[in-house]
Amino acid sequence: MANDNTIARNKKAYHDYEVLEKFEAGIALLGTEVKSCRNRNVQLQDAHAYIEKGEVWLVNAHIALYEQGNRHNHEPKRRRKLLLHKREIRKMKQLTDEKGLT
């Protein structure tokens, strides 16, 4: 993986769950969050996503405070919007509505 630009992976999810399908999503971040992510200060161990009103939200993802940030620094565990196409959100919703799938 020489050109892998992945900033963080949730290895625990692959251990605890059977991953049936992968989705690639963007994340709506604040300025200090972007800088902290570039420094690879991200933890996804307890993170999960849920669908609310046709939007997908990431919760419990920890993005550390940016070291050079000032009073406008972000909240490390705030919920963040995942950016997906509508058809992907519909497919996710359909999969999570099935009994036994999360």
C-alpha atoms as a PDB file:
ATOM      1  CA  MET A   1       0.000   0.000   0.000  1.00  0.00           C
ATOM      2  CA  ALA A   2       2.610   2.541  -1.041  1.00  0.00           C
ATOM      3  CA  ASN A   3       0.091   5.165  -2.226  1.00  0.00           C
ATOM      4  CA  ASP A   4      -2.566   4.526   0.423  1.00  0.00           C
ATOM      5  CA  ASN A   5      -3.859   7.904   1.647  1.00  0.00           C
ATOM      6  CA  THR A   6      -6.010   6.340   4.363  1.00  0.00           C
ATOM      7  CA  ILE A   7      -5.877   8.417   7.533  1.00  0.00           C
ATOM      8  CA  ALA A   8      -7.608   5.970   9.890  1.00  0.00           C
ATOM      9  CA  ARG A   9      -9.167   2.501   9.846  1.00  0.00           C
ATOM     10  CA  ASN A  10     -11.535   0.861  12.296  1.00  0.00           C
ATOM     11  CA  LYS A  11      -9.811  -2.513  12.657  1.00  0.00           C
ATOM     12  CA  LYS A  12     -12.079  -3.424  15.578  1.00  0.00           C
ATOM     13  CA  ALA A  13     -15.114  -3.319  13.273  1.00  0.00           C
ATOM     14  CA  TYR A  14     -13.585  -5.980  11.025  1.00  0.00           C
ATOM     15  CA  HIS A  15     -12.881  -8.127  14.082  1.00  0.00           C
ATOM     16  CA  ASP A  16     -16.273  -7.730  15.801  1.00  0.00           C
ATOM     17  CA  TYR A  17     -18.554  -7.704  12.737  1.00  0.00           C
ATOM     18  CA  GLU A  18     -18.857  -9.326   9.348  1.00  0.00           C
ATOM     19  CA  VAL A  19     -18.478  -6.524   6.817  1.00  0.00           C
ATOM     20  CA  LEU A  20     -20.869  -7.247   3.941  1.00  0.00           C
ATOM     21  CA  GLU A  21     -20.317  -4.090   1.935  1.00  0.00           C
ATOM     22  CA  LYS A  22     -17.969  -1.109   1.991  1.00  0.00           C
ATOM     23  CA  PHE A  23     -18.913   2.492   1.260  1.00  0.00           C
ATOM     24  CA  GLU A  24     -16.471   5.298   0.568  1.00  0.00           C
ATOM     25  CA  ALA A  25     -17.610   8.591   2.073  1.00  0.00           C
ATOM     26  CA  GLY A  26     -16.332  12.076   2.617  1.00  0.00           C
ATOM     27  CA  ILE A  27     -16.598  13.764   6.009  1.00  0.00           C
ATOM     28  CA  ALA A  28     -17.656  17.354   6.666  1.00  0.00           C
ATOM     29  CA  LEU A  29     -14.821  18.698   8.839  1.00  0.00           C
ATOM     30  CA  LEU A  30     -13.882  21.998  10.441  1.00  0.00           C
ATOM     31  CA  GLY A  31     -10.511  23.642   9.719  1.00  0.00           C
ATOM     32  CA  THR A  32      -8.747  22.448  12.855  1.00  0.00           C
ATOM     33  CA  GLU A  33     -10.134  18.934  12.306  1.00  0.00           C
ATOM     34  CA  VAL A  34      -8.587  18.830   8.826  1.00  0.00           C
ATOM     35  CA  LYS A  35      -5.193  19.780  10.236  1.00  0.00           C
ATOM     36  CA  SER A  36      -5.479  17.221  13.018  1.00  0.00           C
ATOM     37  CA  CYS A  37      -6.464  14.515  10.486  1.00  0.00           C
ATOM     38  CA  ARG A  38      -3.453  15.355   8.334  1.00  0.00           C
ATOM     39  CA  ASN A  39      -1.334  14.654  11.419  1.00  0.00           C
ATOM     40  CA  ARG A  40      -3.174  11.292  11.699  1.00  0.00           C
ATOM     41  CA  ASN A  41      -4.637  12.124  15.126  1.00  0.00           C
ATOM     42  CA  VAL A  42      -7.862  10.159  14.543  1.00  0.00           C
ATOM     43  CA  GLN A  43      -9.354   7.243  16.494  1.00  0.00           C
ATOM     44  CA  LEU A  44     -12.318   5.253  15.145  1.00  0.00           C
ATOM     45  CA  GLN A  45     -12.450   2.354  17.643  1.00  0.00           C
ATOM     46  CA  ASP A  46     -15.845   3.246  19.155  1.00  0.00           C
ATOM     47  CA  ALA A  47     -17.199   5.123  16.134  1.00  0.00           C
ATOM     48  CA  HIS A  48     -20.359   4.214  14.268  1.00  0.00           C
ATOM     49  CA  ALA A  49     -22.692   5.812  11.749  1.00  0.00           C
ATOM     50  CA  TYR A  50     -26.453   6.184  11.733  1.00  0.00           C
ATOM     51  CA  ILE A  51     -29.018   7.528   9.288  1.00  0.00           C
ATOM     52  CA  GLU A  52     -31.244  10.426  10.358  1.00  0.00           C
ATOM     53  CA  LYS A  53     -33.603  12.279   8.003  1.00  0.00           C
ATOM     54  CA  GLY A  54     -31.828  11.033   4.889  1.00  0.00           C
ATOM     55  CA  GLU A  55     -28.356  12.005   6.133  1.00  0.00           C
ATOM     56  CA  VAL A  56     -25.592   9.807   7.528  1.00  0.00           C
ATOM     57  CA  TRP A  57     -23.855  10.894  10.739  1.00  0.00           C
ATOM     58  CA  LEU A  58     -20.616   9.618  12.267  1.00  0.00           C
ATOM     59  CA  VAL A  59     -20.565   9.584  16.075  1.00  0.00           C
ATOM     60  CA  ASN A  60     -17.916   8.749  18.679  1.00  0.00           C
ATOM     61  CA  ALA A  61     -15.065   9.293  16.238  1.00  0.00           C
ATOM     62  CA  HIS A  62     -12.287  11.057  18.126  1.00  0.00           C
ATOM     63  CA  ILE A  63     -10.289  13.684  16.243  1.00  0.00           C
ATOM     64  CA  ALA A  64      -7.717  15.107  18.639  1.00  0.00           C
ATOM     65  CA  LEU A  65      -7.517  18.835  19.265  1.00  0.00           C
ATOM     66  CA  TYR A  66      -5.120  20.594  16.910  1.00  0.00           C
ATOM     67  CA  GLU A  67      -1.984  21.500  18.857  1.00  0.00           C
ATOM     68  CA  GLN A  68      -1.666  24.992  17.372  1.00  0.00           C
ATOM     69  CA  GLY A  69      -5.413  25.597  17.579  1.00  0.00           C
ATOM     70  CA  ASN A  70      -6.775  28.529  19.536  1.00  0.00           C
ATOM     71  CA  ARG A  71     -10.114  29.113  21.243  1.00  0.00           C
ATOM     72  CA  HIS A  72     -11.837  28.143  17.948  1.00  0.00           C
ATOM     73  CA  ASN A  73     -10.582  24.555  18.218  1.00  0.00           C
ATOM     74  CA  HIS A  74     -13.167  21.827  17.578  1.00  0.00           C
ATOM     75  CA  GLU A  75     -14.953  19.452  19.965  1.00  0.00           C
ATOM     76  CA  PRO A  76     -13.032  16.119  19.652  1.00  0.00           C
ATOM     77  CA  LYS A  77     -16.065  13.780  19.742  1.00  0.00           C
ATOM     78  CA  ARG A  78     -18.699  15.886  17.971  1.00  0.00           C
ATOM     79  CA  ARG A  79     -20.955  14.188  15.422  1.00  0.00           C
ATOM     80  CA  ARG A  80     -19.851  14.658  11.831  1.00  0.00           C
ATOM     81  CA  LYS A  81     -21.824  14.396   8.620  1.00  0.00           C
ATOM     82  CA  LEU A  82     -20.745  11.704   6.165  1.00  0.00           C
ATOM     83  CA  LEU A  83     -20.999  12.720   2.521  1.00  0.00           C
ATOM     84  CA  LEU A  84     -22.538   9.977   0.383  1.00  0.00           C
ATOM     85  CA  HIS A  85     -24.683   9.834  -2.747  1.00  0.00           C
ATOM     86  CA  LYS A  86     -28.444   9.500  -2.165  1.00  0.00           C
ATOM     87  CA  ARG A  87     -28.510   6.042  -3.770  1.00  0.00           C
ATOM     88  CA  GLU A  88     -25.795   4.879  -1.358  1.00  0.00           C
ATOM     89  CA  ILE A  89     -27.756   6.242   1.609  1.00  0.00           C
ATOM     90  CA  ARG A  90     -30.906   4.467   0.383  1.00  0.00           C
ATOM     91  CA  LYS A  91     -28.966   1.221   0.015  1.00  0.00           C
ATOM     92  CA  MET A  92     -27.529   1.611   3.534  1.00  0.00           C
ATOM     93  CA  LYS A  93     -30.984   2.282   4.931  1.00  0.00           C
ATOM     94  CA  GLN A  94     -32.353  -0.787   3.159  1.00  0.00           C
ATOM     95  CA  LEU A  95     -29.544  -2.967   4.550  1.00  0.00           C
ATOM     96  CA  THR A  96     -29.917  -1.690   8.127  1.00  0.00           C
ATOM     97  CA  ASP A  97     -33.696  -2.197   8.019  1.00  0.00           C
ATOM     98  CA  GLU A  98     -33.142  -5.926   7.442  1.00  0.00           C
ATOM     99  CA  LYS A  99     -33.476  -7.996  10.587  1.00  0.00           C
ATOM    100  CA  GLY A 100     -30.135  -8.813  12.190  1.00  0.00           C
ATOM    101  CA  LEU A 101     -28.043  -6.267  10.288  1.00  0.00           C
ATOM    102  CA  THR A 102     -26.498  -3.122  11.764  1.00  0.00           C
END
